[in-house]
Protein backbone atom coordinates (compact mmCIF):
# COMPACT_ATOMS: atom_id res chain seq x y z
CA MET A 1 200.39 250.62 195.15
CA GLN A 2 196.84 249.36 195.10
CA ILE A 3 193.47 251.09 195.10
CA TYR A 4 190.56 248.94 196.29
CA GLY A 5 187.05 250.02 195.35
CA THR A 6 184.34 249.49 192.76
CA ALA A 7 184.19 250.67 189.17
CA LYS A 8 181.06 252.77 189.94
CA CYS A 9 182.28 254.36 193.16
CA LYS A 10 182.80 258.12 192.76
CA LEU A 11 185.33 258.33 195.61
CA THR A 12 187.32 255.46 194.13
CA LYS A 13 187.41 257.22 190.77
CA LYS A 14 188.53 260.37 192.61
CA ALA A 15 191.44 258.50 194.19
CA GLU A 16 192.40 256.98 190.84
CA ARG A 17 192.37 260.38 189.24
CA PHE A 18 194.33 261.90 192.11
CA PHE A 19 197.23 259.44 191.79
CA SER A 20 197.10 259.29 187.97
CA ASP A 21 197.36 263.08 187.75
CA ARG A 22 200.56 262.83 189.82
CA GLY A 23 202.06 260.12 187.63
CA ILE A 24 201.79 257.46 190.33
CA HIS A 25 201.04 254.00 188.99
CA TYR A 26 198.62 251.78 190.86
CA HIS A 27 196.80 248.48 190.51
CA PHE A 28 193.00 248.70 190.76
CA VAL A 29 191.27 245.96 192.76
CA ASP A 30 187.55 245.82 191.98
CA LEU A 31 185.77 244.68 195.14
CA GLY A 32 182.74 243.78 193.04
CA GLU A 33 184.82 241.02 191.47
CA HIS A 34 187.46 240.23 194.11
CA ARG A 35 186.84 238.99 197.63
CA LEU A 36 189.53 239.57 200.23
CA SER A 37 191.18 236.62 201.86
CA LYS A 38 191.44 236.57 205.65
CA GLY A 39 195.20 237.24 205.42
CA GLU A 40 194.68 240.14 203.00
CA LEU A 41 192.12 241.68 205.31
CA GLU A 42 194.49 241.29 208.31
CA ASN A 43 197.28 243.03 206.36
CA ILE A 44 194.96 245.87 205.49
CA ARG A 45 193.90 246.21 209.13
CA ARG A 46 197.54 246.36 210.27
CA GLY A 47 198.19 249.22 207.87
CA LEU A 48 195.34 251.39 209.18
CA SER A 49 195.56 253.85 211.98
CA LYS A 50 194.04 252.52 215.21
CA THR A 51 190.98 254.78 214.95
CA ALA A 52 190.12 254.10 211.29
CA SER A 53 187.19 251.87 210.48
CA LEU A 54 186.99 249.58 207.48
CA LEU A 55 183.23 249.17 207.57
CA ASP A 56 181.08 251.66 205.66
CA SER A 57 177.95 252.01 207.76
CA GLU A 58 176.46 254.34 205.12
CA SER A 59 176.75 251.81 202.29
CA SER A 60 173.69 250.22 200.70
CA ALA A 61 175.25 246.78 201.37
CA TYR A 62 175.39 247.57 205.09
CA LYS A 63 171.78 248.77 205.16
CA LYS A 64 170.47 245.96 202.95
CA ARG A 65 172.06 243.40 205.28
CA GLY A 66 170.52 245.14 208.31
CA LEU A 67 173.86 245.28 210.15
CA GLN A 68 172.81 248.37 212.06
CA TYR A 69 170.47 246.07 214.05
CA MET A 70 172.86 243.17 214.53
CA ASP A 71 175.85 242.07 216.57
CA PHE A 72 178.35 240.64 214.11
CA ASP A 73 181.98 239.86 213.43
CA GLU A 74 183.18 242.67 211.19
CA ASP A 75 185.90 240.64 209.49
CA GLU A 76 183.54 237.75 208.67
CA GLU A 77 181.02 240.17 207.15
CA ILE A 78 183.70 241.94 205.06
CA ILE A 79 185.13 238.64 203.81
CA ALA A 80 181.63 237.50 202.83
CA ASN A 81 180.75 240.85 201.22
CA PRO A 82 183.66 243.18 200.34
CA LEU A 83 181.17 245.86 199.30
CA LEU A 84 180.85 246.63 203.01
CA LEU A 85 184.33 248.17 202.97
CA ARG A 86 184.78 251.90 203.17
CA THR A 87 186.24 252.90 199.84
CA PRO A 88 188.57 253.76 198.41
CA LEU A 89 191.23 251.78 200.22
CA VAL A 90 194.60 253.08 199.11
CA ARG A 91 197.40 250.69 199.99
CA ASP A 92 201.14 251.12 199.55
CA GLY A 93 203.07 248.35 201.22
CA SER A 94 202.03 248.33 204.84
CA ARG A 95 200.33 251.76 204.73
CA VAL A 96 196.57 251.88 204.18
CA ILE A 97 194.28 254.88 203.80
CA ALA A 98 190.53 254.18 204.13
CA GLY A 99 188.02 256.50 202.50
CA GLU A 100 188.59 259.94 201.03
CA ASP A 101 191.49 261.53 202.88
CA GLN A 102 193.19 263.96 200.53
CA ALA A 103 195.70 265.11 203.14
CA ALA A 104 196.90 261.52 203.58
CA TRP A 105 196.87 260.97 199.78
CA LYS A 106 199.06 264.03 199.30
CA LEU A 107 201.53 262.83 201.92
CA LEU A 108 201.64 259.37 200.36
CA ALA A 109 202.09 260.82 196.86
CA ALA A 110 204.97 263.00 198.10
CA GLN A 111 206.64 260.04 199.76
CA MET A 112 206.24 257.91 196.67
CA LYS A 113 207.74 260.62 194.42
CA ASN A 114 210.78 260.73 196.73
CA LYS A 115 211.35 256.94 196.71
CA PRO A 116 214.46 255.85 194.90
CA ALA A 117 213.68 253.97 191.70
């Protein structure tokens, strides 16, 4: 399992704590240091529900870039600046949860606990 976010993000820390408290091991991917490849972004998109958005329109990166006033290719912007992603991104195989969604985290944690070793 992977948790994508930044070291300073409170919601990312909350997700890390949530899974750690349940004994679920994860790999942290710091978006401040790691840019997503096009293929990685496509895999993340495939794992999201159809209605979920990857772009955080409330982020300082979004506002600083002025994206609220522009037409743009979302994937190109995210690849160029991963800090535009809504965090945390919790990924287990093909499943992806974007943002704080404790109900989805609980379901994922239960499924992971029931996986055969």
